[in-house]
C-alpha atoms as a PDB file:
ATOM      1  CA  MET A   1       8.341   3.567   0.150  1.00  0.00           C
ATOM      2  CA  LYS A   2       7.148   6.968  -0.232  1.00  0.00           C
ATOM      3  CA  THR A   3       4.904   8.864   2.240  1.00  0.00           C
ATOM      4  CA  THR A   4       3.196  12.165   2.458  1.00  0.00           C
ATOM      5  CA  ARG A   5       5.725  13.280   4.698  1.00  0.00           C
ATOM      6  CA  ARG A   6       8.469  12.679   1.834  1.00  0.00           C
ATOM      7  CA  GLY A   7       6.176  14.531  -0.450  1.00  0.00           C
ATOM      8  CA  PHE A   8       6.237  17.625   1.835  1.00  0.00           C
ATOM      9  CA  ILE A   9       9.914  17.333   2.275  1.00  0.00           C
ATOM     10  CA  ALA A  10      10.367  17.293  -1.519  1.00  0.00           C
ATOM     11  CA  ALA A  11       8.034  20.234  -2.137  1.00  0.00           C
ATOM     12  CA  THR A  12       9.815  22.115   0.596  1.00  0.00           C
ATOM     13  CA  THR A  13      13.054  21.321  -0.813  1.00  0.00           C
ATOM     14  CA  LEU A  14      11.999  22.560  -4.216  1.00  0.00           C
ATOM     15  CA  ALA A  15      10.794  25.940  -2.683  1.00  0.00           C
ATOM     16  CA  MET A  16      14.006  26.553  -0.880  1.00  0.00           C
ATOM     17  CA  THR A  17      16.115  25.973  -3.753  1.00  0.00           C
ATOM     18  CA  GLY A  18      13.751  27.745  -6.251  1.00  0.00           C
ATOM     19  CA  LEU A  19      13.043  24.972  -8.232  1.00  0.00           C
ATOM     20  CA  GLY A  20       9.312  24.674  -7.452  1.00  0.00           C
ATOM     21  CA  ALA A  21       8.280  25.819 -10.553  1.00  0.00           C
ATOM     22  CA  PRO A  22       7.471  23.480 -13.782  1.00  0.00           C
ATOM     23  CA  ALA A  23      10.491  23.482 -15.954  1.00  0.00           C
ATOM     24  CA  PHE A  24       9.781  22.566 -19.440  1.00  0.00           C
ATOM     25  CA  ALA A  25      12.334  21.755 -22.152  1.00  0.00           C
ATOM     26  CA  ASP A  26      11.864  23.866 -25.184  1.00  0.00           C
ATOM     27  CA  ASP A  27      13.982  21.650 -27.627  1.00  0.00           C
ATOM     28  CA  ALA A  28      14.072  18.016 -28.369  1.00  0.00           C
ATOM     29  CA  SER A  29      12.518  15.517 -25.885  1.00  0.00           C
ATOM     30  CA  THR A  30      14.696  13.240 -23.191  1.00  0.00           C
ATOM     31  CA  LEU A  31      13.784  10.223 -25.521  1.00  0.00           C
ATOM     32  CA  ASP A  32      15.800  11.955 -28.488  1.00  0.00           C
ATOM     33  CA  ARG A  33      18.829  12.818 -25.926  1.00  0.00           C
ATOM     34  CA  ILE A  34      18.676   9.155 -24.565  1.00  0.00           C
ATOM     35  CA  ARG A  35      18.867   7.704 -28.239  1.00  0.00           C
ATOM     36  CA  LYS A  36      21.682  10.075 -29.179  1.00  0.00           C
ATOM     37  CA  ASP A  37      23.804   9.593 -26.166  1.00  0.00           C
ATOM     38  CA  LYS A  38      23.083   5.958 -25.445  1.00  0.00           C
ATOM     39  CA  GLN A  39      22.483   6.562 -21.587  1.00  0.00           C
ATOM     40  CA  LEU A  40      19.525   6.236 -19.454  1.00  0.00           C
ATOM     41  CA  ARG A  41      20.169   7.867 -16.085  1.00  0.00           C
ATOM     42  CA  ILE A  42      18.036   6.848 -13.236  1.00  0.00           C
ATOM     43  CA  GLY A  43      18.034   8.044  -9.715  1.00  0.00           C
ATOM     44  CA  VAL A  44      18.978   5.596  -6.899  1.00  0.00           C
ATOM     45  CA  THR A  45      18.880   5.920  -3.348  1.00  0.00           C
ATOM     46  CA  SER A  46      19.219   3.329  -0.623  1.00  0.00           C
ATOM     47  CA  ALA A  47      15.544   1.761   0.157  1.00  0.00           C
ATOM     48  CA  GLU A  48      15.092  -1.894  -0.273  1.00  0.00           C
ATOM     49  CA  PRO A  49      13.674  -3.483  -2.176  1.00  0.00           C
ATOM     50  CA  TRP A  50      13.496  -0.844  -4.720  1.00  0.00           C
ATOM     51  CA  PHE A  51      17.424   0.229  -4.585  1.00  0.00           C
ATOM     52  CA  PHE A  52      20.307  -1.508  -2.931  1.00  0.00           C
ATOM     53  CA  LYS A  53      24.051  -0.578  -2.941  1.00  0.00           C
ATOM     54  CA  ASP A  54      26.332  -3.439  -2.210  1.00  0.00           C
ATOM     55  CA  PRO A  55      29.016  -1.884   0.342  1.00  0.00           C
ATOM     56  CA  MET A  56      31.530  -4.246  -1.027  1.00  0.00           C
ATOM     57  CA  THR A  57      31.090  -3.844  -4.823  1.00  0.00           C
ATOM     58  CA  GLU A  58      29.377  -0.457  -4.747  1.00  0.00           C
ATOM     59  CA  GLN A  59      27.149  -1.993  -7.397  1.00  0.00           C
ATOM     60  CA  TRP A  60      23.244  -1.000  -7.411  1.00  0.00           C
ATOM     61  CA  THR A  61      20.605  -3.614  -7.523  1.00  0.00           C
ATOM     62  CA  GLY A  62      16.921  -3.638  -6.604  1.00  0.00           C
ATOM     63  CA  VAL A  63      13.483  -3.541  -8.480  1.00  0.00           C
ATOM     64  CA  GLY A  64      14.064   0.219  -9.514  1.00  0.00           C
ATOM     65  CA  VAL A  65      17.599  -0.719 -10.963  1.00  0.00           C
ATOM     66  CA  ALA A  66      16.115  -3.744 -12.777  1.00  0.00           C
ATOM     67  CA  MET A  67      13.213  -1.774 -14.343  1.00  0.00           C
ATOM     68  CA  GLY A  68      15.800   0.839 -15.525  1.00  0.00           C
ATOM     69  CA  GLU A  69      17.828  -2.076 -16.934  1.00  0.00           C
ATOM     70  CA  LYS A  70      14.625  -3.091 -19.034  1.00  0.00           C
ATOM     71  CA  LEU A  71      13.989   0.285 -20.480  1.00  0.00           C
ATOM     72  CA  ALA A  72      17.622   1.042 -21.144  1.00  0.00           C
ATOM     73  CA  ALA A  73      17.850  -2.202 -22.989  1.00  0.00           C
ATOM     74  CA  ASN A  74      14.745  -1.204 -25.173  1.00  0.00           C
ATOM     75  CA  LEU A  75      16.347   2.140 -25.822  1.00  0.00           C
ATOM     76  CA  GLY A  76      19.724   0.382 -26.841  1.00  0.00           C
ATOM     77  CA  ALA A  77      21.109   2.636 -24.066  1.00  0.00           C
ATOM     78  CA  THR A  78      23.429   1.954 -20.919  1.00  0.00           C
ATOM     79  CA  LEU A  79      21.975   2.380 -17.616  1.00  0.00           C
ATOM     80  CA  VAL A  80      23.409   4.986 -15.411  1.00  0.00           C
ATOM     81  CA  PRO A  81      22.547   5.230 -11.598  1.00  0.00           C
ATOM     82  CA  VAL A  82      22.967   8.556 -10.281  1.00  0.00           C
ATOM     83  CA  GLU A  83      22.545   8.771  -6.498  1.00  0.00           C
ATOM     84  CA  THR A  84      20.065  10.935  -4.697  1.00  0.00           C
ATOM     85  CA  THR A  85      17.287  10.942  -2.125  1.00  0.00           C
ATOM     86  CA  TRP A  86      13.669  10.896  -2.180  1.00  0.00           C
ATOM     87  CA  ALA A  87      13.570  14.509  -1.011  1.00  0.00           C
ATOM     88  CA  ASN A  88      16.067  15.560  -3.785  1.00  0.00           C
ATOM     89  CA  ALA A  89      14.559  13.460  -6.656  1.00  0.00           C
ATOM     90  CA  VAL A  90      12.332  16.062  -7.939  1.00  0.00           C
ATOM     91  CA  ALA A  91      14.883  18.699  -7.970  1.00  0.00           C
ATOM     92  CA  ALA A  92      17.601  16.173  -9.706  1.00  0.00           C
ATOM     93  CA  LEU A  93      14.841  15.845 -12.306  1.00  0.00           C
ATOM     94  CA  GLN A  94      14.051  19.432 -12.746  1.00  0.00           C
ATOM     95  CA  ALA A  95      18.094  20.024 -12.958  1.00  0.00           C
ATOM     96  CA  ASP A  96      18.489  17.388 -15.720  1.00  0.00           C
ATOM     97  CA  GLN A  97      20.605  15.328 -13.327  1.00  0.00           C
ATOM     98  CA  ILE A  98      18.635  12.135 -13.828  1.00  0.00           C
ATOM     99  CA  ASP A  99      16.031  10.945 -16.694  1.00  0.00           C
ATOM    100  CA  ILE A 100      13.854   9.041 -14.451  1.00  0.00           C
ATOM    101  CA  MET A 101      13.177   8.196 -10.729  1.00  0.00           C
ATOM    102  CA  PHE A 102      11.353   4.994 -10.182  1.00  0.00           C
ATOM    103  CA  VAL A 103       8.915   3.992  -7.479  1.00  0.00           C
ATOM    104  CA  LEU A 104       8.189   7.805  -6.923  1.00  0.00           C
ATOM    105  CA  ASP A 105       4.491   8.089  -6.137  1.00  0.00           C
ATOM    106  CA  PRO A 106       2.672  10.841  -8.052  1.00  0.00           C
ATOM    107  CA  THR A 107       1.378  13.019  -5.202  1.00  0.00           C
ATOM    108  CA  GLU A 108      -0.461  16.390  -5.841  1.00  0.00           C
ATOM    109  CA  GLU A 109       2.553  18.029  -4.752  1.00  0.00           C
ATOM    110  CA  ARG A 110       5.061  16.306  -7.020  1.00  0.00           C
ATOM    111  CA  ARG A 111       2.665  16.816  -9.949  1.00  0.00           C
ATOM    112  CA  LYS A 112       3.243  20.430  -9.707  1.00  0.00           C
ATOM    113  CA  ALA A 113       6.725  20.101 -10.449  1.00  0.00           C
ATOM    114  CA  ILE A 114       7.287  17.041 -12.476  1.00  0.00           C
ATOM    115  CA  ASP A 115       5.593  14.719 -14.918  1.00  0.00           C
ATOM    116  CA  PHE A 116       4.340  11.141 -14.495  1.00  0.00           C
ATOM    117  CA  PRO A 117       3.416   8.602 -17.193  1.00  0.00           C
ATOM    118  CA  GLN A 118      -0.342   7.801 -17.359  1.00  0.00           C
ATOM    119  CA  ALA A 119       0.511   4.100 -16.777  1.00  0.00           C
ATOM    120  CA  PRO A 120       1.527   2.861 -13.347  1.00  0.00           C
ATOM    121  CA  LEU A 121       4.514   1.147 -12.753  1.00  0.00           C
ATOM    122  CA  PHE A 122       3.124  -1.323 -10.295  1.00  0.00           C
ATOM    123  CA  TYR A 123       1.135  -1.658  -7.174  1.00  0.00           C
ATOM    124  CA  TYR A 124       1.789  -2.116  -3.572  1.00  0.00           C
ATOM    125  CA  ALA A 125      -0.664  -2.303  -0.358  1.00  0.00           C
ATOM    126  CA  MET A 126      -0.628  -1.992   3.266  1.00  0.00           C
ATOM    127  CA  GLY A 127       0.787  -5.346   4.691  1.00  0.00           C
ATOM    128  CA  ALA A 128       0.940  -6.788   8.213  1.00  0.00           C
ATOM    129  CA  LEU A 129       3.601  -8.719   9.692  1.00  0.00           C
ATOM    130  CA  VAL A 130       1.823 -11.165  12.267  1.00  0.00           C
ATOM    131  CA  ALA A 131       2.794 -14.394  14.233  1.00  0.00           C
ATOM    132  CA  ALA A 132       3.134 -17.410  12.033  1.00  0.00           C
ATOM    133  CA  ASP A 133       0.240 -19.093  13.615  1.00  0.00           C
ATOM    134  CA  SER A 134      -2.241 -16.121  13.236  1.00  0.00           C
ATOM    135  CA  PRO A 135      -5.677 -16.690  11.892  1.00  0.00           C
ATOM    136  CA  VAL A 136      -6.064 -12.948  11.114  1.00  0.00           C
ATOM    137  CA  LYS A 137      -7.237 -12.144   7.573  1.00  0.00           C
ATOM    138  CA  SER A 138      -9.159  -8.983   7.992  1.00  0.00           C
ATOM    139  CA  TRP A 139      -8.090  -5.475   9.340  1.00  0.00           C
ATOM    140  CA  GLU A 140     -11.302  -5.736  11.399  1.00  0.00           C
ATOM    141  CA  GLN A 141      -9.965  -8.733  13.023  1.00  0.00           C
ATOM    142  CA  LEU A 142      -6.742  -6.989  14.025  1.00  0.00           C
ATOM    143  CA  ASP A 143      -8.689  -4.125  15.757  1.00  0.00           C
ATOM    144  CA  THR A 144      -9.009  -5.636  19.184  1.00  0.00           C
ATOM    145  CA  PRO A 145      -8.409  -4.410  22.485  1.00  0.00           C
ATOM    146  CA  THR A 146      -5.754  -6.904  23.115  1.00  0.00           C
ATOM    147  CA  THR A 147      -3.724  -6.368  19.774  1.00  0.00           C
ATOM    148  CA  ARG A 148      -0.848  -4.119  19.698  1.00  0.00           C
ATOM    149  CA  ILE A 149       0.084  -2.576  16.381  1.00  0.00           C
ATOM    150  CA  GLY A 150       3.468  -1.118  15.511  1.00  0.00           C
ATOM    151  CA  VAL A 151       3.768   1.600  12.715  1.00  0.00           C
ATOM    152  CA  THR A 152       6.437   4.068  11.601  1.00  0.00           C
ATOM    153  CA  LEU A 153       5.492   7.646  13.073  1.00  0.00           C
ATOM    154  CA  GLY A 154       4.472  10.364  10.564  1.00  0.00           C
ATOM    155  CA  THR A 155       3.932   8.011   7.693  1.00  0.00           C
ATOM    156  CA  SER A 156       0.774   7.675   5.415  1.00  0.00           C
ATOM    157  CA  LEU A 157       0.519   4.201   7.128  1.00  0.00           C
ATOM    158  CA  ASP A 158       0.307   5.797  10.421  1.00  0.00           C
ATOM    159  CA  LYS A 159      -2.366   8.001   9.351  1.00  0.00           C
ATOM    160  CA  ASN A 160      -4.352   4.968   7.841  1.00  0.00           C
ATOM    161  CA  ILE A 161      -4.192   2.634  10.702  1.00  0.00           C
ATOM    162  CA  THR A 162      -5.088   5.289  13.121  1.00  0.00           C
ATOM    163  CA  ALA A 163      -8.094   5.991  11.114  1.00  0.00           C
ATOM    164  CA  MET A 164      -8.811   2.179  10.704  1.00  0.00           C
ATOM    165  CA  ALA A 165      -7.983   0.699  14.256  1.00  0.00           C
ATOM    166  CA  LYS A 166     -10.120   2.306  17.040  1.00  0.00           C
ATOM    167  CA  LYS A 167      -9.611  -0.451  19.786  1.00  0.00           C
ATOM    168  CA  ALA A 168      -6.256  -1.835  19.275  1.00  0.00           C
ATOM    169  CA  ALA A 169      -3.092  -0.029  20.872  1.00  0.00           C
ATOM    170  CA  ILE A 170      -1.053   1.376  18.597  1.00  0.00           C
ATOM    171  CA  SER A 171       2.706   2.130  19.248  1.00  0.00           C
ATOM    172  CA  ARG A 172       4.590   4.741  16.875  1.00  0.00           C
ATOM    173  CA  PHE A 173       8.322   4.302  16.069  1.00  0.00           C
ATOM    174  CA  SER A 174      10.755   6.476  14.489  1.00  0.00           C
ATOM    175  CA  ASN A 175      11.886   4.122  11.601  1.00  0.00           C
ATOM    176  CA  ASN A 176      10.805   0.636  10.290  1.00  0.00           C
ATOM    177  CA  ASP A 177      13.617  -1.119  12.035  1.00  0.00           C
ATOM    178  CA  GLU A 178      12.476  -0.144  15.347  1.00  0.00           C
ATOM    179  CA  ALA A 179       8.987  -1.466  14.719  1.00  0.00           C
ATOM    180  CA  ILE A 180      10.395  -4.662  13.413  1.00  0.00           C
ATOM    181  CA  ALA A 181      12.685  -4.935  16.418  1.00  0.00           C
ATOM    182  CA  ALA A 182       9.665  -4.468  18.819  1.00  0.00           C
ATOM    183  CA  PHE A 183       7.908  -7.121  17.034  1.00  0.00           C
ATOM    184  CA  ALA A 184      10.930  -9.415  17.609  1.00  0.00           C
ATOM    185  CA  ALA A 185      10.850  -8.474  21.202  1.00  0.00           C
ATOM    186  CA  ARG A 186       7.112  -9.175  21.455  1.00  0.00           C
ATOM    187  CA  ARG A 187       6.326  -5.458  22.348  1.00  0.00           C
ATOM    188  CA  VAL A 188       3.981  -5.452  19.597  1.00  0.00           C
ATOM    189  CA  ASP A 189       1.930  -8.150  18.093  1.00  0.00           C
ATOM    190  CA  VAL A 190       1.653  -6.799  14.622  1.00  0.00           C
ATOM    191  CA  VAL A 191       3.880  -4.461  12.306  1.00  0.00           C
ATOM    192  CA  VAL A 192       2.180  -2.532   9.585  1.00  0.00           C
ATOM    193  CA  GLN A 193       4.154  -1.370   6.549  1.00  0.00           C
ATOM    194  CA  PHE A 194       3.950  -1.500   2.801  1.00  0.00           C
ATOM    195  CA  HIS A 195       4.136  -4.950   1.952  1.00  0.00           C
ATOM    196  CA  PRO A 196       7.339  -5.240  -0.377  1.00  0.00           C
ATOM    197  CA  ALA A 197       9.373  -3.428   2.329  1.00  0.00           C
ATOM    198  CA  LEU A 198       7.743  -5.588   4.947  1.00  0.00           C
ATOM    199  CA  VAL A 199       8.942  -8.730   3.036  1.00  0.00           C
ATOM    200  CA  VAL A 200      12.367  -7.595   3.170  1.00  0.00           C
ATOM    201  CA  GLN A 201      12.111  -6.790   6.811  1.00  0.00           C
ATOM    202  CA  TYR A 202      10.649 -10.122   7.535  1.00  0.00           C
ATOM    203  CA  ALA A 203      13.408 -12.209   5.762  1.00  0.00           C
ATOM    204  CA  ARG A 204      16.004 -10.570   8.173  1.00  0.00           C
ATOM    205  CA  LEU A 205      13.760 -11.502  11.252  1.00  0.00           C
ATOM    206  CA  LYS A 206      13.030 -14.982  10.007  1.00  0.00           C
ATOM    207  CA  LEU A 207       9.650 -14.567  12.495  1.00  0.00           C
ATOM    208  CA  GLY A 208       6.062 -14.589  11.658  1.00  0.00           C
ATOM    209  CA  LYS A 209       4.574 -14.098   8.169  1.00  0.00           C
ATOM    210  CA  VAL A 210       3.609 -11.234   6.036  1.00  0.00           C
ATOM    211  CA  ILE A 211      -0.149 -11.150   4.939  1.00  0.00           C
ATOM    212  CA  LEU A 212      -2.450  -8.446   2.859  1.00  0.00           C
ATOM    213  CA  PRO A 213      -5.421  -8.106   5.255  1.00  0.00           C
ATOM    214  CA  THR A 214      -8.735  -7.548   3.877  1.00  0.00           C
ATOM    215  CA  PRO A 215      -9.847  -5.450   2.395  1.00  0.00           C
ATOM    216  CA  VAL A 216      -6.917  -5.078   0.332  1.00  0.00           C
ATOM    217  CA  ASN A 217      -6.608  -1.446  -1.239  1.00  0.00           C
ATOM    218  CA  PRO A 218      -3.875  -1.368  -3.779  1.00  0.00           C
ATOM    219  CA  VAL A 219      -1.663   1.648  -4.012  1.00  0.00           C
ATOM    220  CA  PRO A 220      -0.238   2.597  -7.478  1.00  0.00           C
ATOM    221  CA  THR A 221       3.106   3.742  -7.808  1.00  0.00           C
ATOM    222  CA  SER A 222       4.969   5.481 -10.611  1.00  0.00           C
ATOM    223  CA  ALA A 223       8.114   7.117 -11.964  1.00  0.00           C
ATOM    224  CA  GLY A 224       8.875  10.945 -11.977  1.00  0.00           C
ATOM    225  CA  LEU A 225       9.985  12.446 -15.257  1.00  0.00           C
ATOM    226  CA  ARG A 226      10.910  16.008 -16.081  1.00  0.00           C
ATOM    227  CA  LYS A 227       8.240  18.198 -17.119  1.00  0.00           C
ATOM    228  CA  GLU A 228       8.885  19.024 -21.300  1.00  0.00           C
ATOM    229  CA  ALA A 229       6.765  20.468 -23.766  1.00  0.00           C
ATOM    230  CA  ASN A 230       7.354  17.389 -26.180  1.00  0.00           C
ATOM    231  CA  PRO A 231       5.745  14.305 -24.478  1.00  0.00           C
ATOM    232  CA  ALA A 232       7.551  11.760 -26.440  1.00  0.00           C
ATOM    233  CA  PHE A 233       9.562  10.452 -23.667  1.00  0.00           C
ATOM    234  CA  ARG A 234       6.535  10.378 -21.172  1.00  0.00           C
ATOM    235  CA  ASN A 235       4.381   8.322 -23.599  1.00  0.00           C
ATOM    236  CA  TRP A 236       7.193   6.056 -24.489  1.00  0.00           C
ATOM    237  CA  VAL A 237       7.702   5.234 -20.785  1.00  0.00           C
ATOM    238  CA  SER A 238       3.708   4.924 -20.075  1.00  0.00           C
ATOM    239  CA  ASP A 239       3.471   2.365 -23.087  1.00  0.00           C
ATOM    240  CA  GLN A 240       6.557   0.489 -21.540  1.00  0.00           C
ATOM    241  CA  PHE A 241       4.926   0.397 -18.288  1.00  0.00           C
ATOM    242  CA  THR A 242       1.812  -0.818 -19.719  1.00  0.00           C
ATOM    243  CA  THR A 243       3.370  -3.737 -21.603  1.00  0.00           C
ATOM    244  CA  LEU A 244       5.811  -4.975 -18.878  1.00  0.00           C
ATOM    245  CA  TYR A 245       2.936  -4.820 -16.254  1.00  0.00           C
ATOM    246  CA  LYS A 246       0.873  -7.049 -18.488  1.00  0.00           C
ATOM    247  CA  GLU A 247       3.595  -9.383 -19.032  1.00  0.00           C
ATOM    248  CA  GLY A 248       4.029  -9.649 -15.179  1.00  0.00           C
ATOM    249  CA  VAL A 249       7.436  -8.207 -15.348  1.00  0.00           C
ATOM    250  CA  PRO A 250       7.167  -6.387 -12.153  1.00  0.00           C
ATOM    251  CA  ASP A 251       6.590  -9.563 -10.208  1.00  0.00           C
ATOM    252  CA  GLN A 252       9.235 -11.527 -11.946  1.00  0.00           C
ATOM    253  CA  ILE A 253      11.858  -8.889 -10.996  1.00  0.00           C
ATOM    254  CA  PHE A 254      10.501  -8.805  -7.434  1.00  0.00           C
ATOM    255  CA  ASP A 255      10.819 -12.681  -7.265  1.00  0.00           C
ATOM    256  CA  ALA A 256      14.180 -12.480  -8.548  1.00  0.00           C
ATOM    257  CA  TYR A 257      15.144  -9.868  -5.993  1.00  0.00           C
ATOM    258  CA  LEU A 258      13.766 -11.724  -3.246  1.00  0.00           C
ATOM    259  CA  LYS A 259      15.717 -14.834  -4.386  1.00  0.00           C
ATOM    260  CA  SER A 260      18.971 -12.941  -4.596  1.00  0.00           C
ATOM    261  CA  LYS A 261      18.427 -12.326  -0.849  1.00  0.00           C
ATOM    262  CA  ASN A 262      17.584 -15.886  -0.298  1.00  0.00           C
ATOM    263  CA  ILE A 263      14.054 -15.222   0.337  1.00  0.00           C
ATOM    264  CA  ASP A 264      11.593 -17.931  -0.882  1.00  0.00           C
ATOM    265  CA  PRO A 265       9.002 -15.738  -2.891  1.00  0.00           C
ATOM    266  CA  THR A 266       6.484 -18.466  -2.680  1.00  0.00           C
ATOM    267  CA  GLY A 267       3.265 -17.165  -1.340  1.00  0.00           C
ATOM    268  CA  ILE A 268       4.546 -13.640  -1.070  1.00  0.00           C
ATOM    269  CA  PRO A 269       2.199 -11.059  -2.632  1.00  0.00           C
ATOM    270  CA  GLY A 270       3.783  -9.834  -5.483  1.00  0.00           C
ATOM    271  CA  LEU A 271       3.774  -6.238  -7.411  1.00  0.00           C
ATOM    272  CA  VAL A 272       0.774  -7.236  -9.862  1.00  0.00           C
ATOM    273  CA  LYS A 273      -2.379  -6.778  -7.871  1.00  0.00           C
ATOM    274  CA  GLU A 274      -4.602  -8.846 -10.099  1.00  0.00           C
ATOM    275  CA  ALA A 275      -2.394 -11.742  -8.711  1.00  0.00           C
ATOM    276  CA  TRP A 276      -3.054 -11.105  -5.000  1.00  0.00           C
ATOM    277  CA  LYS A 277      -5.363 -13.490  -3.149  1.00  0.00           C
END
C-alpha cells in the first residue's frame, strides 16, 4: 500500500536523478510497441498481496501480477516482471524500463511526472484487526479511553487515525509486522491498516478478525503509466480497467490469491467497493 510518505520519497528520488520533469514520447505509443514486441513489462516489488516472489522458484505472483497477465493476454503479449521499488517506480516508467506499475496511487506528486488511466484499478479501505468476539462496527466505537490502537508510523493511516481517534491510546510502530506482533502480544487491542494487507497479516497470525468499520471510505488505486503525446495506451488501459472492474475480476483475483495462501476468502471484504457490507 502506498502512503503519502512513499509519494514524497518517489518525488524526491526523481528530483535527485533529474527525472522529475514529464517525459513525453514523440513517436508511436507504448501500445504500438507492446503489440509489436509482444511483451508487457510490469514493475514488481515485494508487497503482499499485490506482489510476491517465491524464494524457492523466484516466480512472481499476486494481485498486480494477475492483473498484468490479464492485460498481457488481451494484447497477445507475454508478461515480463521487472523488479523495482515503490520509490523508484516513477523513475522506472520515465526511463522506459517498465510499461505499467499496478497498485500505484495517483497522488498529486506522481501526476506531475507520470500518467494514470481515468478508470480506477480497484478500491481498498482502512480496515481494523480486532478481537474475534469484538462487537465493534464503527470507528466511533473504537475511540474509547480503554482502546489501544496500533498503526504504522508516518503512513497516511497514521494521519487518518490520529485525526479520527481523540480518546483512544495510539501506539505507532516502524512497520506493519511490528504492529501485528503487538496485537498478538495483546499490547494493542486494534491494528489499523489498509484492509487487503491486513487480511494477509491476519492469515499469518490466525487471531482476531478483519472488519471495515463505518463509515467506510473507499480509496481508489490505479496504475502508473509513462506520459506520452499519444494517449492510445492510457485509453486502452482505462477501458480494460473499466471492463474488468464491472466483471468483478479484481475480487476474483484477490480471492484466488488468498486461497493460494490457504486463506478462506469467505466474509473478507474484496476490492470491489459495491460488494462491501
